[in-house]
Amino acid sequence: MENTPEFLKNNDHQLKSFILDQVLQKKPIFNSYRKLCKLVGQDVMEYQDFEFWSFRFYHGNRGFDYDRSADPKPKTLMDMPVKLMHTIAGNLDQFERSSLRSMNHAIKEVADSISPIFESIFISVSDKKLEWTLNEKEFKGKNDSLDKSRMTYLKKGLEQLTLIFEMPNIQVKQLGMMVWDPISELDNLLPALCHVKIAHICCYSISMILQLLLSMKPRHLESLIIGGCWDPIDIADCKLIFETEQFKNAKYVAFLWQVKFNVEDLLNFRHLRQFQCWMKNDIGPEEILRVRDIVSTFEQIEFCDLILRSTEDIFPMGRFAEALGAEIPIGPLAEGEDWAFNHHYKIPKFRESLEFKLTVKESWCRVNIVRIR
């Protein structure tokens, strides 16, 4: 009938008749409550009251005139002992715990009292899709071609991500950020000085790389991997990274994109335990000896990996062998074997040495240098 919603809304007897009918049809309580709210609105009956009458009718008590005023006051979450609330929150994972922060102030305080530590968070976003992985939980969203707005997929993913990064004292062991297009919604995603141990960053521009890097707490960030950039990157851009406290306090750094460093640029890595970078392939004997001399002065160094391109005109392995006084094995290679040679260099005035291992695979020459203590 046309006025059924208003009739239900203003008639307590009919409301209870509706509940009884749902019970007799064996409808799930929550589904029945949602149906009622859809008919008459959410302010007609609290779910707790709806649940009470549903259970009463289910157990065979069909009277509508029961007086509830003498009943004990129902317990709420706030009546739960604090110790029990901490136990429950502690048994939830970090993702589940983030939802508690939106319930009420007291429960938010309980959730915030447990520092969230995530093993890994990986985020990849572009104009076409957003993907992110939190430990083993995965979210994927593609831009709907029928909806030109990015909000369709960005809003869903960022709502959950924001809950995570809003958690106080959040710590992330491994954070991967792949941002392939300018996305304004990401500008304030990471909290100031986020505790990240290992960061892997790929972006569309050096400015975005710097923005993400500067949001990470120096001295807490141990490993930094700069994976790539759509825009052309040169040495001047890398110097902006060298000047950050995050880089200066890192222990391991890798530049995976093909920015080719000069020999003297290696001095920026003097504080590191391990580093990886590309070098200009047209390197001469004096520069090779300079590489050896520079790396030998790095007191913290354990290992470095230098990558050069090998071409028909330039064969870096041959140049290194000549400069270091080493010999390249002569003869045909076995199947699956690469051109390689080792060289041992004793550091003057120290009991330590550098072990050089050079390998050539396809068109790449890798120079691995290990400090032997």
Protein backbone atom coordinates (compact mmCIF):
# COMPACT_ATOMS: atom_id res chain seq x y z
CA MET A 1 0.00 0.00 0.00
CA GLU A 2 1.15 3.52 -0.79
CA ASN A 3 1.50 4.75 2.82
CA THR A 4 3.08 1.58 4.24
CA PRO A 5 6.38 3.27 5.30
CA GLU A 6 4.59 6.01 7.26
CA PHE A 7 2.13 3.48 8.69
CA LEU A 8 5.01 1.34 10.00
CA LYS A 9 6.91 4.35 11.26
CA ASN A 10 4.06 5.60 13.45
CA ASN A 11 2.67 2.28 14.69
CA ASP A 12 4.62 0.27 17.25
CA HIS A 13 2.30 -2.73 16.85
CA GLN A 14 2.91 -2.86 13.10
CA LEU A 15 6.68 -2.54 13.59
CA LYS A 16 6.64 -5.63 15.79
CA SER A 17 4.37 -7.39 13.31
CA PHE A 18 6.97 -6.69 10.64
CA ILE A 19 9.71 -8.19 12.85
CA LEU A 20 7.60 -11.25 13.64
CA ASP A 21 6.88 -11.79 9.95
CA GLN A 22 10.61 -11.68 9.18
CA VAL A 23 11.31 -14.19 11.97
CA LEU A 24 8.63 -16.56 10.68
CA GLN A 25 10.19 -16.34 7.22
CA LYS A 26 13.56 -17.19 8.83
CA LYS A 27 15.19 -14.08 7.41
CA PRO A 28 18.63 -13.12 8.80
CA ILE A 29 18.22 -10.43 11.48
CA PHE A 30 20.61 -7.92 9.97
CA ASN A 31 19.09 -8.28 6.50
CA SER A 32 15.64 -7.73 8.00
CA TYR A 33 16.83 -4.63 9.83
CA ARG A 34 18.31 -3.21 6.63
CA LYS A 35 14.99 -3.84 4.88
CA LEU A 36 13.16 -1.95 7.64
CA CYS A 37 15.58 0.98 7.44
CA LYS A 38 15.13 1.10 3.69
CA LEU A 39 11.36 1.27 4.12
CA VAL A 40 11.03 3.77 6.96
CA GLY A 41 14.51 5.23 7.63
CA GLN A 42 17.19 4.48 10.21
CA ASP A 43 15.77 6.55 13.07
CA VAL A 44 12.67 4.42 13.78
CA MET A 45 14.27 1.63 15.79
CA GLU A 46 17.80 0.96 17.04
CA TYR A 47 19.36 -2.26 15.84
CA GLN A 48 19.75 -3.41 19.45
CA ASP A 49 15.97 -3.14 19.97
CA PHE A 50 15.27 -4.82 16.64
CA GLU A 51 17.57 -7.68 17.63
CA PHE A 52 15.86 -8.03 21.04
CA TRP A 53 12.38 -8.46 19.55
CA SER A 54 13.69 -10.81 16.85
CA PHE A 55 15.25 -13.16 19.40
CA ARG A 56 12.17 -12.94 21.64
CA PHE A 57 9.85 -13.92 18.78
CA TYR A 58 12.28 -16.60 17.61
CA HIS A 59 12.13 -18.29 21.04
CA GLY A 60 8.33 -18.43 20.95
CA ASN A 61 7.46 -15.34 23.02
CA ARG A 62 5.01 -13.70 20.63
CA GLY A 63 3.46 -11.07 22.94
CA PHE A 64 3.83 -7.45 21.75
CA ASP A 65 3.19 -5.82 25.15
CA TYR A 66 6.29 -6.94 27.04
CA ASP A 67 7.59 -4.14 29.32
CA ARG A 68 11.37 -3.85 28.97
CA SER A 69 11.83 -1.13 31.60
CA ALA A 70 12.68 -3.70 34.29
CA ASP A 71 15.31 -5.45 32.12
CA PRO A 72 19.00 -4.97 32.96
CA LYS A 73 20.65 -2.26 30.94
CA PRO A 74 22.32 -3.83 27.88
CA LYS A 75 26.08 -3.92 27.94
CA THR A 76 27.98 -1.83 25.42
CA LEU A 77 31.56 -1.88 24.17
CA MET A 78 32.36 0.82 26.72
CA ASP A 79 31.42 -1.58 29.54
CA MET A 80 34.15 -3.97 28.43
CA PRO A 81 37.19 -4.11 30.76
CA VAL A 82 40.11 -2.12 29.39
CA LYS A 83 42.39 -5.14 29.69
CA LEU A 84 40.01 -7.18 27.52
CA MET A 85 39.84 -4.38 24.93
CA HIS A 86 43.65 -4.40 24.73
CA THR A 87 43.62 -8.18 24.32
CA ILE A 88 41.10 -8.01 21.48
CA ALA A 89 42.98 -5.18 19.73
CA GLY A 90 46.26 -7.05 20.13
CA ASN A 91 44.84 -10.13 18.41
CA LEU A 92 43.75 -8.14 15.36
CA ASP A 93 46.12 -7.51 12.50
CA GLN A 94 47.15 -3.94 11.72
CA PHE A 95 44.67 -3.60 8.88
CA GLU A 96 41.74 -4.70 11.06
CA ARG A 97 42.96 -2.52 13.93
CA SER A 98 42.91 0.57 11.71
CA SER A 99 39.10 0.27 11.48
CA LEU A 100 38.78 0.52 15.27
CA ARG A 101 40.11 4.07 15.16
CA SER A 102 36.84 5.32 13.62
CA MET A 103 34.53 3.83 16.30
CA ASN A 104 34.89 6.14 19.31
CA HIS A 105 37.55 7.99 21.26
CA ALA A 106 38.14 5.32 23.91
CA ILE A 107 38.53 2.46 21.41
CA LYS A 108 40.69 4.70 19.21
CA GLU A 109 43.05 5.19 22.16
CA VAL A 110 43.27 1.44 22.66
CA ALA A 111 44.03 0.87 18.97
CA ASP A 112 46.62 3.67 18.96
CA SER A 113 48.39 2.27 22.03
CA ILE A 114 49.67 -0.64 19.91
CA SER A 115 52.35 0.54 17.48
CA PRO A 116 51.46 -0.84 14.03
CA ILE A 117 54.33 -2.64 12.30
CA PHE A 118 53.83 -3.74 8.69
CA GLU A 119 56.13 -6.15 6.91
CA SER A 120 55.47 -4.63 3.50
CA ILE A 121 53.31 -2.08 1.73
CA PHE A 122 53.47 -1.84 -2.05
CA ILE A 123 51.59 0.89 -3.94
CA SER A 124 51.42 1.29 -7.73
CA VAL A 125 49.24 4.05 -9.14
CA SER A 126 48.63 5.64 -12.53
CA ASP A 127 45.81 7.39 -14.34
CA LYS A 128 44.44 3.99 -15.33
CA LYS A 129 44.66 1.91 -12.18
CA LEU A 130 45.61 1.69 -8.53
CA GLU A 131 47.11 -1.42 -6.97
CA TRP A 132 48.36 -1.84 -3.44
CA THR A 133 49.38 -4.74 -1.26
CA LEU A 134 49.48 -4.69 2.52
CA ASN A 135 51.33 -7.76 3.76
CA GLU A 136 49.17 -10.39 2.03
CA LYS A 137 46.06 -8.24 1.51
CA GLU A 138 45.65 -6.94 -2.02
CA PHE A 139 43.54 -4.19 -3.56
CA LYS A 140 43.18 -3.56 -7.30
CA GLY A 141 41.10 -0.92 -9.03
CA LYS A 142 40.89 0.04 -12.68
CA ASN A 143 39.55 3.28 -14.09
CA ASP A 144 36.00 2.72 -15.35
CA SER A 145 35.85 3.77 -19.00
CA LEU A 146 32.24 4.86 -18.44
CA ASP A 147 33.30 7.15 -15.61
CA LYS A 148 35.86 9.72 -16.70
CA SER A 149 36.56 10.70 -13.11
CA ARG A 150 39.52 9.10 -11.35
CA MET A 151 37.52 9.01 -8.12
CA THR A 152 35.94 5.65 -9.00
CA TYR A 153 39.07 3.62 -8.30
CA LEU A 154 41.22 6.15 -6.46
CA LYS A 155 38.65 6.91 -3.78
CA LYS A 156 38.09 3.26 -2.85
CA GLY A 157 41.78 2.48 -2.59
CA LEU A 158 42.88 5.69 -0.93
CA GLU A 159 40.15 5.48 1.72
CA GLN A 160 41.74 2.27 2.99
CA LEU A 161 45.32 3.49 2.53
CA THR A 162 44.57 6.69 4.42
CA LEU A 163 43.28 4.67 7.39
CA ILE A 164 46.59 2.81 7.45
CA PHE A 165 48.91 5.81 7.20
CA GLU A 166 46.89 7.80 9.74
CA MET A 167 47.78 5.27 12.43
CA PRO A 168 50.21 6.94 14.86
CA ASN A 169 53.80 5.66 15.01
CA ILE A 170 53.27 3.48 11.95
CA GLN A 171 56.36 1.46 10.99
CA VAL A 172 56.88 -0.18 7.61
CA LYS A 173 59.75 -2.59 7.02
CA GLN A 174 59.45 -2.44 3.22
CA LEU A 175 57.61 0.31 1.34
CA GLY A 176 57.31 0.30 -2.45
CA MET A 177 55.93 3.44 -4.13
CA MET A 178 55.39 3.34 -7.91
CA VAL A 179 53.74 6.58 -9.06
CA TRP A 180 53.55 6.78 -12.84
CA ASP A 181 51.33 9.85 -13.33
CA PRO A 182 50.70 13.08 -11.39
CA ILE A 183 48.03 12.14 -8.81
CA SER A 184 47.11 15.04 -6.53
CA GLU A 185 45.29 12.71 -4.13
CA LEU A 186 48.66 11.16 -3.20
CA ASP A 187 50.33 14.41 -2.17
CA ASN A 188 49.58 14.05 1.53
CA LEU A 189 49.21 10.28 1.77
CA LEU A 190 52.40 9.56 3.69
CA PRO A 191 52.59 11.10 7.16
CA ALA A 192 55.48 13.41 7.98
CA LEU A 193 58.61 11.38 8.75
CA CYS A 194 57.07 7.97 8.24
CA HIS A 195 59.14 5.15 9.81
CA VAL A 196 60.33 3.11 6.80
CA LYS A 197 63.26 0.70 6.88
CA ILE A 198 63.54 -0.23 3.18
CA ALA A 199 62.15 2.05 0.46
CA HIS A 200 61.79 1.29 -3.25
CA ILE A 201 60.70 4.35 -5.26
CA CYS A 202 59.77 4.67 -8.94
CA CYS A 203 58.10 7.88 -10.15
CA TYR A 204 57.27 10.02 -13.13
CA SER A 205 59.60 12.86 -12.03
CA ILE A 206 62.54 13.60 -9.76
CA SER A 207 60.36 16.04 -7.78
CA MET A 208 57.94 13.24 -6.86
CA ILE A 209 60.84 10.97 -5.92
CA LEU A 210 62.14 13.68 -3.59
CA GLN A 211 58.68 14.33 -2.11
CA LEU A 212 58.29 10.66 -1.16
CA LEU A 213 61.88 10.35 0.05
CA LEU A 214 61.64 13.42 2.29
CA SER A 215 58.52 12.01 3.98
CA MET A 216 60.60 9.15 5.42
CA LYS A 217 62.37 9.46 8.75
CA PRO A 218 66.17 9.82 8.42
CA ARG A 219 68.28 7.37 10.44
CA HIS A 220 65.36 4.95 10.42
CA LEU A 221 65.61 4.48 6.65
CA GLU A 222 68.41 1.96 6.07
CA SER A 223 67.97 0.94 2.43
CA LEU A 224 66.99 3.15 -0.50
CA ILE A 225 66.31 1.82 -3.99
CA ILE A 226 65.57 4.36 -6.72
CA GLY A 227 64.03 2.17 -9.37
CA GLY A 228 63.21 4.43 -12.28
CA CYS A 229 61.71 7.64 -13.60
CA TRP A 230 59.71 8.56 -16.71
CA ASP A 231 61.40 11.95 -17.05
CA PRO A 232 65.05 12.09 -18.16
CA ILE A 233 67.34 12.12 -15.12
CA ASP A 234 70.87 13.46 -15.01
CA ILE A 235 73.64 13.79 -12.43
CA ALA A 236 72.33 17.18 -11.26
CA ASP A 237 69.04 15.50 -10.29
CA CYS A 238 70.90 12.82 -8.37
CA LYS A 239 72.74 15.49 -6.42
CA LEU A 240 69.37 16.62 -5.02
CA ILE A 241 69.02 13.12 -3.59
CA PHE A 242 72.61 13.16 -2.28
CA GLU A 243 71.80 16.29 -0.27
CA THR A 244 68.91 14.72 1.67
CA GLU A 245 69.37 13.48 5.24
CA GLN A 246 67.64 10.27 4.18
CA PHE A 247 70.45 9.48 1.72
CA LYS A 248 73.21 10.64 4.06
CA ASN A 249 72.03 8.30 6.82
CA ALA A 250 71.24 5.26 4.68
CA LYS A 251 73.38 2.13 4.71
CA TYR A 252 72.43 0.66 1.33
CA VAL A 253 71.56 2.60 -1.83
CA ALA A 254 70.84 1.42 -5.37
CA PHE A 255 70.22 3.58 -8.43
CA LEU A 256 68.59 1.14 -10.84
CA TRP A 257 67.83 3.55 -13.65
CA GLN A 258 70.51 4.15 -16.25
CA VAL A 259 71.96 7.40 -14.95
CA LYS A 260 75.65 7.01 -15.69
CA PHE A 261 77.88 8.35 -12.92
CA ASN A 262 81.36 9.76 -13.33
CA VAL A 263 84.18 8.31 -11.26
CA GLU A 264 84.29 11.30 -8.89
CA ASP A 265 80.55 10.93 -8.23
CA LEU A 266 81.37 7.76 -6.30
CA LEU A 267 82.63 9.94 -3.45
CA ASN A 268 78.98 10.56 -2.54
CA PHE A 269 78.76 6.89 -1.50
CA ARG A 270 81.62 6.98 1.02
CA HIS A 271 79.32 6.50 4.04
CA LEU A 272 77.51 3.43 2.69
CA ARG A 273 77.99 -0.24 3.42
CA GLN A 274 76.65 -1.29 0.03
CA PHE A 275 75.71 0.54 -3.14
CA GLN A 276 74.82 -0.11 -6.76
CA CYS A 277 74.91 2.30 -9.70
CA TRP A 278 75.64 2.69 -13.38
CA MET A 279 78.94 4.11 -14.62
CA LYS A 280 79.88 5.79 -17.88
CA ASN A 281 81.13 2.97 -20.07
CA ASP A 282 83.85 5.00 -21.84
CA ILE A 283 86.17 4.69 -18.87
CA GLY A 284 89.96 4.96 -19.21
CA PRO A 285 92.80 3.23 -17.32
CA GLU A 286 93.46 6.20 -15.04
CA GLU A 287 89.77 6.42 -14.13
CA ILE A 288 89.69 2.70 -13.38
CA LEU A 289 92.59 3.07 -10.95
CA ARG A 290 90.81 6.06 -9.46
CA VAL A 291 87.72 3.87 -8.85
CA ARG A 292 89.93 1.40 -7.01
CA ASP A 293 91.59 4.13 -4.94
CA ILE A 294 88.28 5.84 -4.07
CA VAL A 295 86.51 2.65 -2.98
CA SER A 296 89.52 1.57 -0.91
CA THR A 297 89.07 4.68 1.27
CA PHE A 298 85.44 3.86 2.13
CA GLU A 299 85.71 2.67 5.73
CA GLN A 300 82.16 1.28 5.95
CA ILE A 301 82.00 -0.37 2.54
CA GLU A 302 81.24 -4.08 2.35
CA PHE A 303 80.19 -4.46 -1.26
CA CYS A 304 79.48 -2.35 -4.34
CA ASP A 305 78.15 -3.19 -7.78
CA LEU A 306 79.09 -1.01 -10.75
CA ILE A 307 77.34 -1.57 -14.09
CA LEU A 308 78.74 -0.53 -17.47
CA ARG A 309 77.49 -1.12 -20.99
CA SER A 310 79.70 -3.21 -23.22
CA THR A 311 79.61 -2.38 -26.94
CA GLU A 312 81.50 -3.36 -30.08
CA ASP A 313 83.64 -0.23 -29.73
CA ILE A 314 84.06 -0.21 -25.95
CA PHE A 315 84.85 -3.35 -23.93
CA PRO A 316 85.04 -2.26 -20.25
CA MET A 317 86.22 -5.67 -19.06
CA GLY A 318 89.31 -5.45 -21.25
CA ARG A 319 90.06 -1.96 -19.98
CA PHE A 320 89.71 -3.04 -16.35
CA ALA A 321 91.94 -6.06 -16.91
CA GLU A 322 94.62 -3.92 -18.52
CA ALA A 323 94.48 -1.18 -15.85
CA LEU A 324 94.47 -3.64 -12.91
CA GLY A 325 97.11 -5.92 -14.41
CA ALA A 326 94.78 -8.90 -14.57
CA GLU A 327 94.33 -11.50 -17.27
CA ILE A 328 91.09 -12.45 -18.98
CA PRO A 329 90.81 -16.23 -19.46
CA ILE A 330 91.38 -17.18 -23.08
CA GLY A 331 89.46 -19.87 -24.87
CA PRO A 332 85.90 -20.86 -25.74
CA LEU A 333 83.25 -20.51 -23.05
CA ALA A 334 81.24 -23.45 -21.84
CA GLU A 335 77.48 -23.36 -22.37
CA GLY A 336 75.93 -20.85 -19.96
CA GLU A 337 79.33 -19.50 -18.91
CA ASP A 338 80.05 -15.75 -18.94
CA TRP A 339 83.27 -13.86 -19.49
CA ALA A 340 84.72 -13.25 -16.03
CA PHE A 341 87.89 -12.59 -14.08
CA ASN A 342 88.86 -11.89 -10.47
CA HIS A 343 91.47 -9.50 -9.15
CA HIS A 344 92.82 -9.07 -5.62
CA TYR A 345 94.07 -5.67 -4.47
CA LYS A 346 95.89 -5.17 -1.14
CA ILE A 347 95.00 -1.79 0.38
CA PRO A 348 98.22 0.03 1.33
CA LYS A 349 98.84 0.48 5.10
CA PHE A 350 95.89 -1.79 5.93
CA ARG A 351 95.45 -5.49 6.51
CA GLU A 352 92.41 -5.34 4.29
CA SER A 353 91.96 -5.82 0.57
CA LEU A 354 89.50 -5.38 -2.27
CA GLU A 355 88.29 -8.33 -4.28
CA PHE A 356 87.25 -7.41 -7.83
CA LYS A 357 85.00 -9.72 -9.82
CA LEU A 358 84.14 -8.69 -13.36
CA THR A 359 81.55 -10.48 -15.49
CA VAL A 360 80.16 -9.76 -18.93
CA LYS A 361 76.73 -11.05 -19.86
CA GLU A 362 75.24 -10.06 -23.19
CA SER A 363 75.92 -6.30 -23.38
CA TRP A 364 76.43 -5.60 -19.67
CA CYS A 365 79.66 -5.52 -17.72
CA ARG A 366 79.34 -5.78 -13.93
CA VAL A 367 82.13 -4.84 -11.58
CA ASN A 368 81.59 -6.31 -8.10
CA ILE A 369 83.97 -5.02 -5.44
CA VAL A 370 84.05 -6.69 -2.01
CA ARG A 371 86.11 -5.42 0.91
CA ILE A 372 87.91 -8.30 2.63
CA ARG A 373 88.60 -7.52 6.29
